[in-house]
C-alpha atoms as a PDB file:
ATOM      1  CA  MET A   1      19.551-121.449  42.998  1.00  0.00           C
ATOM      2  CA  MET A   2      18.900-118.322  40.929  1.00  0.00           C
ATOM      3  CA  HIS A   3      18.106-116.167  43.970  1.00  0.00           C
ATOM      4  CA  LYS A   4      21.476-117.125  45.482  1.00  0.00           C
ATOM      5  CA  ILE A   5      23.218-116.046  42.270  1.00  0.00           C
ATOM      6  CA  VAL A   6      21.406-112.708  42.421  1.00  0.00           C
ATOM      7  CA  LEU A   7      22.443-112.155  46.028  1.00  0.00           C
ATOM      8  CA  TYR A   8      26.056-113.054  45.244  1.00  0.00           C
ATOM      9  CA  LEU A   9      26.076-110.610  42.332  1.00  0.00           C
ATOM     10  CA  PHE A  10      24.558-107.847  44.430  1.00  0.00           C
ATOM     11  CA  PHE A  11      26.843-108.161  47.446  1.00  0.00           C
ATOM     12  CA  GLY A  12      29.879-108.967  45.330  1.00  0.00           C
ATOM     13  CA  SER A  13      29.412-105.845  43.254  1.00  0.00           C
ATOM     14  CA  ALA A  14      28.884-103.751  46.376  1.00  0.00           C
ATOM     15  CA  LEU A  15      31.984-105.098  48.103  1.00  0.00           C
ATOM     16  CA  PHE A  16      34.391-105.374  45.210  1.00  0.00           C
ATOM     17  CA  GLY A  17      33.101-102.846  42.654  1.00  0.00           C
ATOM     18  CA  GLN A  18      35.618-100.137  43.464  1.00  0.00           C
ATOM     19  CA  PHE A  19      35.272 -98.154  40.233  1.00  0.00           C
ATOM     20  CA  ASN A  20      32.323 -96.949  38.152  1.00  0.00           C
ATOM     21  CA  HIS A  21      29.665 -98.991  39.845  1.00  0.00           C
ATOM     22  CA  GLN A  22      25.928 -98.412  40.388  1.00  0.00           C
ATOM     23  CA  ASP A  23      23.274-100.230  42.438  1.00  0.00           C
ATOM     24  CA  LYS A  24      19.544 -99.635  42.035  1.00  0.00           C
ATOM     25  CA  LEU A  25      16.590-100.918  44.035  1.00  0.00           C
ATOM     26  CA  GLY A  26      13.128-100.369  42.554  1.00  0.00           C
ATOM     27  CA  ILE A  27       9.669-100.930  44.009  1.00  0.00           C
ATOM     28  CA  LYS A  28       6.572-101.008  41.786  1.00  0.00           C
ATOM     29  CA  ARG A  29       2.971-101.325  42.991  1.00  0.00           C
ATOM     30  CA  LYS A  30      -0.449-100.973  41.349  1.00  0.00           C
ATOM     31  CA  LEU A  31      -2.821 -98.354  42.729  1.00  0.00           C
ATOM     32  CA  GLY A  32      -6.131 -98.594  40.902  1.00  0.00           C
ATOM     33  CA  GLN A  33      -5.453 -97.793  37.240  1.00  0.00           C
ATOM     34  CA  SER A  34      -2.080 -96.238  38.054  1.00  0.00           C
ATOM     35  CA  THR A  35       1.361 -97.563  39.014  1.00  0.00           C
ATOM     36  CA  ILE A  36       3.374 -96.166  41.929  1.00  0.00           C
ATOM     37  CA  THR A  37       7.184 -96.490  41.790  1.00  0.00           C
ATOM     38  CA  PHE A  38      10.064 -95.924  44.202  1.00  0.00           C
ATOM     39  CA  ASP A  39      13.693 -96.030  43.090  1.00  0.00           C
ATOM     40  CA  PHE A  40      16.815 -95.978  45.283  1.00  0.00           C
ATOM     41  CA  ASP A  41      20.178 -95.402  43.563  1.00  0.00           C
ATOM     42  CA  GLY A  42      23.794 -95.357  44.776  1.00  0.00           C
ATOM     43  CA  ARG A  43      26.917 -94.816  42.634  1.00  0.00           C
ATOM     44  CA  ILE A  44      30.664 -95.242  43.067  1.00  0.00           C
ATOM     45  CA  ASN A  45      33.467 -94.009  40.808  1.00  0.00           C
ATOM     46  CA  GLU A  46      37.225 -93.559  41.145  1.00  0.00           C
ATOM     47  CA  THR A  47      36.665 -90.883  43.835  1.00  0.00           C
ATOM     48  CA  GLY A  48      34.443 -93.148  45.957  1.00  0.00           C
ATOM     49  CA  PHE A  49      30.753 -92.997  46.842  1.00  0.00           C
ATOM     50  CA  PHE A  50      29.629 -89.827  45.062  1.00  0.00           C
ATOM     51  CA  HIS A  51      25.922 -90.084  44.170  1.00  0.00           C
ATOM     52  CA  LYS A  52      22.665 -91.136  45.845  1.00  0.00           C
ATOM     53  CA  HIS A  53      19.059 -90.445  44.990  1.00  0.00           C
ATOM     54  CA  LEU A  54      15.463 -91.360  45.695  1.00  0.00           C
ATOM     55  CA  ASP A  55      12.768 -91.280  42.990  1.00  0.00           C
ATOM     56  CA  ILE A  56       9.018 -91.336  43.669  1.00  0.00           C
ATOM     57  CA  GLY A  57       6.663 -91.581  40.691  1.00  0.00           C
ATOM     58  CA  ILE A  58       3.193 -92.321  39.415  1.00  0.00           C
ATOM     59  CA  HIS A  59       2.354 -93.561  35.902  1.00  0.00           C
ATOM     60  CA  TYR A  60      -0.990 -93.858  34.135  1.00  0.00           C
ATOM     61  CA  SER A  61      -1.751 -95.649  30.854  1.00  0.00           C
ATOM     62  CA  PHE A  62      -4.284 -93.507  29.022  1.00  0.00           C
ATOM     63  CA  LYS A  63      -4.174 -95.751  25.925  1.00  0.00           C
ATOM     64  CA  PRO A  64      -3.000 -99.379  25.462  1.00  0.00           C
ATOM     65  CA  THR A  65       0.446 -98.305  24.223  1.00  0.00           C
ATOM     66  CA  TRP A  66       0.765 -94.836  25.788  1.00  0.00           C
ATOM     67  CA  THR A  67       1.758 -93.951  29.365  1.00  0.00           C
ATOM     68  CA  VAL A  68       2.229 -90.602  31.095  1.00  0.00           C
ATOM     69  CA  GLY A  69       4.280 -90.254  34.265  1.00  0.00           C
ATOM     70  CA  LEU A  70       5.056 -87.705  36.973  1.00  0.00           C
ATOM     71  CA  LYS A  71       8.142 -88.180  39.158  1.00  0.00           C
ATOM     72  CA  TYR A  72      10.124 -86.408  41.855  1.00  0.00           C
ATOM     73  CA  ARG A  73      13.841 -87.043  42.435  1.00  0.00           C
ATOM     74  CA  ARG A  74      15.815 -85.983  45.503  1.00  0.00           C
ATOM     75  CA  GLN A  75      19.474 -86.336  44.535  1.00  0.00           C
ATOM     76  CA  TYR A  76      22.759 -85.774  46.369  1.00  0.00           C
ATOM     77  CA  ARG A  77      26.239 -85.564  44.803  1.00  0.00           C
ATOM     78  CA  THR A  78      29.580 -84.866  46.416  1.00  0.00           C
ATOM     79  CA  LYS A  79      31.639 -81.790  45.612  1.00  0.00           C
ATOM     80  CA  GLU A  80      34.721 -80.837  47.620  1.00  0.00           C
ATOM     81  CA  ASN A  81      33.854 -83.559  50.149  1.00  0.00           C
ATOM     82  CA  GLU A  82      30.349 -82.184  50.755  1.00  0.00           C
ATOM     83  CA  TRP A  83      26.954 -83.494  49.674  1.00  0.00           C
ATOM     84  CA  HIS A  84      24.956 -81.075  47.504  1.00  0.00           C
ATOM     85  CA  LEU A  85      21.217 -81.421  46.965  1.00  0.00           C
ATOM     86  CA  GLU A  86      19.444 -81.316  43.601  1.00  0.00           C
ATOM     87  CA  GLN A  87      15.671 -81.668  43.330  1.00  0.00           C
ATOM     88  CA  ARG A  88      14.082 -82.755  40.055  1.00  0.00           C
ATOM     89  CA  PRO A  89      10.363 -82.654  39.331  1.00  0.00           C
ATOM     90  CA  GLN A  90       9.966 -84.709  36.146  1.00  0.00           C
ATOM     91  CA  GLY A  91       7.306 -85.399  33.562  1.00  0.00           C
ATOM     92  CA  GLU A  92       7.534 -88.120  30.926  1.00  0.00           C
ATOM     93  CA  LEU A  93       5.642 -89.686  28.037  1.00  0.00           C
ATOM     94  CA  ILE A  94       6.191 -93.325  27.014  1.00  0.00           C
ATOM     95  CA  LYS A  95       5.154 -95.163  23.840  1.00  0.00           C
ATOM     96  CA  VAL A  96       5.522 -98.959  23.531  1.00  0.00           C
ATOM     97  CA  MET A  97       5.242-101.085  20.389  1.00  0.00           C
ATOM     98  CA  ASN A  98       5.728-104.822  19.857  1.00  0.00           C
ATOM     99  CA  ILE A  99       7.175-105.522  16.414  1.00  0.00           C
ATOM    100  CA  GLN A 100       7.980-109.119  15.515  1.00  0.00           C
ATOM    101  CA  LYS A 101      10.198-110.399  18.360  1.00  0.00           C
ATOM    102  CA  LEU A 102      11.138-106.996  19.792  1.00  0.00           C
ATOM    103  CA  LYS A 103       9.558-104.575  22.245  1.00  0.00           C
ATOM    104  CA  TRP A 104      10.245-100.974  21.181  1.00  0.00           C
ATOM    105  CA  GLN A 105       9.951 -98.291  23.850  1.00  0.00           C
ATOM    106  CA  PHE A 106      10.185 -94.554  23.184  1.00  0.00           C
ATOM    107  CA  ARG A 107      10.429 -92.245  26.204  1.00  0.00           C
ATOM    108  CA  THR A 108      10.816 -88.479  26.427  1.00  0.00           C
ATOM    109  CA  ARG A 109      11.309 -86.804  29.807  1.00  0.00           C
ATOM    110  CA  MET A 110      11.506 -83.192  30.955  1.00  0.00           C
ATOM    111  CA  ASP A 111      13.738 -82.510  33.982  1.00  0.00           C
ATOM    112  CA  TYR A 112      13.347 -79.330  36.030  1.00  0.00           C
ATOM    113  CA  ARG A 113      16.592 -79.088  38.002  1.00  0.00           C
ATOM    114  CA  ILE A 114      16.601 -77.169  41.309  1.00  0.00           C
ATOM    115  CA  ARG A 115      20.237 -77.065  42.450  1.00  0.00           C
ATOM    116  CA  GLU A 116      22.004 -75.613  45.462  1.00  0.00           C
ATOM    117  CA  GLY A 117      24.217 -72.668  44.496  1.00  0.00           C
ATOM    118  CA  LYS A 118      23.154 -72.723  40.830  1.00  0.00           C
ATOM    119  CA  ASN A 119      20.318 -71.365  38.723  1.00  0.00           C
ATOM    120  CA  ASP A 120      17.317 -73.588  38.072  1.00  0.00           C
ATOM    121  CA  GLU A 121      17.161 -75.091  34.598  1.00  0.00           C
ATOM    122  CA  MET A 122      15.061 -77.389  32.438  1.00  0.00           C
ATOM    123  CA  ARG A 123      16.343 -80.019  30.022  1.00  0.00           C
ATOM    124  CA  ASN A 124      15.026 -82.843  27.865  1.00  0.00           C
ATOM    125  CA  ARG A 125      16.216 -86.441  27.728  1.00  0.00           C
ATOM    126  CA  SER A 126      14.786 -88.870  25.181  1.00  0.00           C
ATOM    127  CA  ARG A 127      15.414 -92.624  25.020  1.00  0.00           C
ATOM    128  CA  ILE A 128      14.898 -95.462  22.554  1.00  0.00           C
ATOM    129  CA  GLN A 129      15.020 -99.012  23.929  1.00  0.00           C
ATOM    130  CA  LEU A 130      14.796-102.385  22.145  1.00  0.00           C
ATOM    131  CA  LYS A 131      14.152-105.495  24.237  1.00  0.00           C
ATOM    132  CA  ALA A 132      13.461-109.114  23.333  1.00  0.00           C
ATOM    133  CA  LEU A 133       9.805-110.011  23.844  1.00  0.00           C
ATOM    134  CA  SER A 134      10.710-113.311  25.503  1.00  0.00           C
ATOM    135  CA  PRO A 135      13.757-114.805  27.255  1.00  0.00           C
ATOM    136  CA  ILE A 136      16.438-116.469  25.157  1.00  0.00           C
ATOM    137  CA  SER A 137      19.058-119.185  25.756  1.00  0.00           C
ATOM    138  CA  LEU A 138      19.197-121.771  28.517  1.00  0.00           C
ATOM    139  CA  LEU A 139      19.849-119.004  31.040  1.00  0.00           C
ATOM    140  CA  LYS A 140      16.435-117.494  30.230  1.00  0.00           C
ATOM    141  CA  ILE A 141      17.809-113.959  29.995  1.00  0.00           C
ATOM    142  CA  THR A 142      16.000-111.128  28.210  1.00  0.00           C
ATOM    143  CA  PRO A 143      18.533-108.894  26.409  1.00  0.00           C
ATOM    144  CA  PHE A 144      18.044-105.210  25.641  1.00  0.00           C
ATOM    145  CA  ILE A 145      19.868-102.203  24.237  1.00  0.00           C
ATOM    146  CA  SER A 146      18.991 -98.531  24.649  1.00  0.00           C
ATOM    147  CA  ASN A 147      20.270 -95.094  23.768  1.00  0.00           C
ATOM    148  CA  GLU A 148      19.337 -91.860  25.545  1.00  0.00           C
ATOM    149  CA  PHE A 149      19.931 -88.356  24.186  1.00  0.00           C
ATOM    150  CA  PHE A 150      20.251 -85.354  26.545  1.00  0.00           C
ATOM    151  CA  PHE A 151      19.543 -81.830  25.313  1.00  0.00           C
ATOM    152  CA  ALA A 152      20.984 -78.818  27.133  1.00  0.00           C
ATOM    153  CA  PRO A 153      18.716 -76.122  28.602  1.00  0.00           C
ATOM    154  CA  LYS A 154      18.073 -72.908  26.671  1.00  0.00           C
ATOM    155  CA  SER A 155      20.167 -73.906  23.623  1.00  0.00           C
ATOM    156  CA  TRP A 156      18.650 -77.445  23.397  1.00  0.00           C
ATOM    157  CA  ASN A 157      21.978 -78.641  21.993  1.00  0.00           C
ATOM    158  CA  TYR A 158      22.693 -82.373  22.177  1.00  0.00           C
ATOM    159  CA  TYR A 159      25.380 -82.709  24.887  1.00  0.00           C
ATOM    160  CA  ILE A 160      25.113 -86.098  26.659  1.00  0.00           C
ATOM    161  CA  ASN A 161      24.619 -89.598  25.231  1.00  0.00           C
ATOM    162  CA  TRP A 162      23.886 -92.733  27.287  1.00  0.00           C
ATOM    163  CA  THR A 163      24.129 -96.196  25.732  1.00  0.00           C
ATOM    164  CA  ALA A 164      23.102 -99.234  27.786  1.00  0.00           C
ATOM    165  CA  ILE A 165      23.497-102.920  26.893  1.00  0.00           C
ATOM    166  CA  GLY A 166      22.343-105.650  29.250  1.00  0.00           C
ATOM    167  CA  PHE A 167      19.739-108.226  30.161  1.00  0.00           C
ATOM    168  CA  ASP A 168      16.953-109.060  32.595  1.00  0.00           C
ATOM    169  CA  LEU A 169      17.378-112.229  34.626  1.00  0.00           C
ATOM    170  CA  PRO A 170      14.437-114.489  35.537  1.00  0.00           C
ATOM    171  CA  LYS A 171      12.231-113.293  38.372  1.00  0.00           C
ATOM    172  CA  THR A 172      13.074-114.763  41.781  1.00  0.00           C
ATOM    173  CA  LYS A 173      11.384-114.808  45.171  1.00  0.00           C
ATOM    174  CA  ILE A 174      13.065-111.533  46.092  1.00  0.00           C
ATOM    175  CA  GLY A 175      12.457-109.707  42.811  1.00  0.00           C
ATOM    176  CA  LYS A 176      13.537-109.304  39.196  1.00  0.00           C
ATOM    177  CA  PRO A 177      17.245-108.496  38.649  1.00  0.00           C
ATOM    178  CA  THR A 178      18.764-106.608  35.728  1.00  0.00           C
ATOM    179  CA  ILE A 179      22.441-106.196  34.835  1.00  0.00           C
ATOM    180  CA  PHE A 180      23.733-103.766  32.222  1.00  0.00           C
ATOM    181  CA  TYR A 181      26.770-101.824  31.029  1.00  0.00           C
ATOM    182  CA  LYS A 182      26.267 -98.060  30.678  1.00  0.00           C
ATOM    183  CA  TYR A 183      28.548 -96.029  28.395  1.00  0.00           C
ATOM    184  CA  VAL A 184      28.165 -92.260  28.770  1.00  0.00           C
ATOM    185  CA  GLN A 185      29.643 -89.524  26.564  1.00  0.00           C
ATOM    186  CA  THR A 186      29.537 -85.879  27.655  1.00  0.00           C
ATOM    187  CA  LEU A 187      30.334 -82.880  25.468  1.00  0.00           C
ATOM    188  CA  ASN A 188      32.742 -80.466  27.168  1.00  0.00           C
ATOM    189  CA  ASP A 189      34.563 -77.677  25.283  1.00  0.00           C
ATOM    190  CA  ASP A 190      33.626 -79.267  21.930  1.00  0.00           C
ATOM    191  CA  LYS A 191      35.133 -82.611  23.011  1.00  0.00           C
ATOM    192  CA  TRP A 192      33.247 -85.819  23.873  1.00  0.00           C
ATOM    193  CA  THR A 193      34.472 -87.374  27.139  1.00  0.00           C
ATOM    194  CA  PRO A 194      33.502 -91.020  27.808  1.00  0.00           C
ATOM    195  CA  THR A 195      32.805 -92.786  31.116  1.00  0.00           C
ATOM    196  CA  TYR A 196      31.419 -96.239  31.868  1.00  0.00           C
ATOM    197  CA  THR A 197      29.453 -97.865  34.683  1.00  0.00           C
ATOM    198  CA  MET A 198      28.376-101.418  35.537  1.00  0.00           C
ATOM    199  CA  VAL A 199      24.821-101.344  36.874  1.00  0.00           C
ATOM    200  CA  PHE A 200      22.921-103.866  38.977  1.00  0.00           C
ATOM    201  CA  LYS A 201      19.185-103.297  39.466  1.00  0.00           C
ATOM    202  CA  LEU A 202      16.675-105.244  41.531  1.00  0.00           C
ATOM    203  CA  MET A 203      12.953-104.583  41.034  1.00  0.00           C
ATOM    204  CA  ILE A 204      10.657-105.875  43.783  1.00  0.00           C
END
């Protein structure tokens, strides 16, 4: 029954999510002491289908609560009805702590952005996430909340904020689904501009 609900949510969001909508498909596999990940992402806003990317990564836990990761993102976004490529080699450090009934995760990531028609740049994005250690309610959902801070290159000024609120659904035969609401604020000309996105993610 649950896998049917997941499929309905996925196809329903793809067909009827006309504004501010994002679908993600993730693949995670163990390779010795490391973990290999693949992530496919597509996004729609009021202008239509405007963003797609592929992430490939490898993560290694060098201590019980510490993980280091290397990733590569190949991203396309539309501008003036044309797709423009951005490549992002990424490095990240993750710390996880279980305190009482919550899982705390701290992640800091460095992006090196290689963009068509623009200068290369490097920026930092750091995230704090709190997630329940075990599912709650009869629906067996696992709620979480996170906030991510983006720091501009060169000046390192704080200029983007991402807040996400959502939950993991129980694992099914086809994978583990996650649904969350993402609220993004961007600083432009000393003014914070908000946008929102509903996100559906399936990890297999």
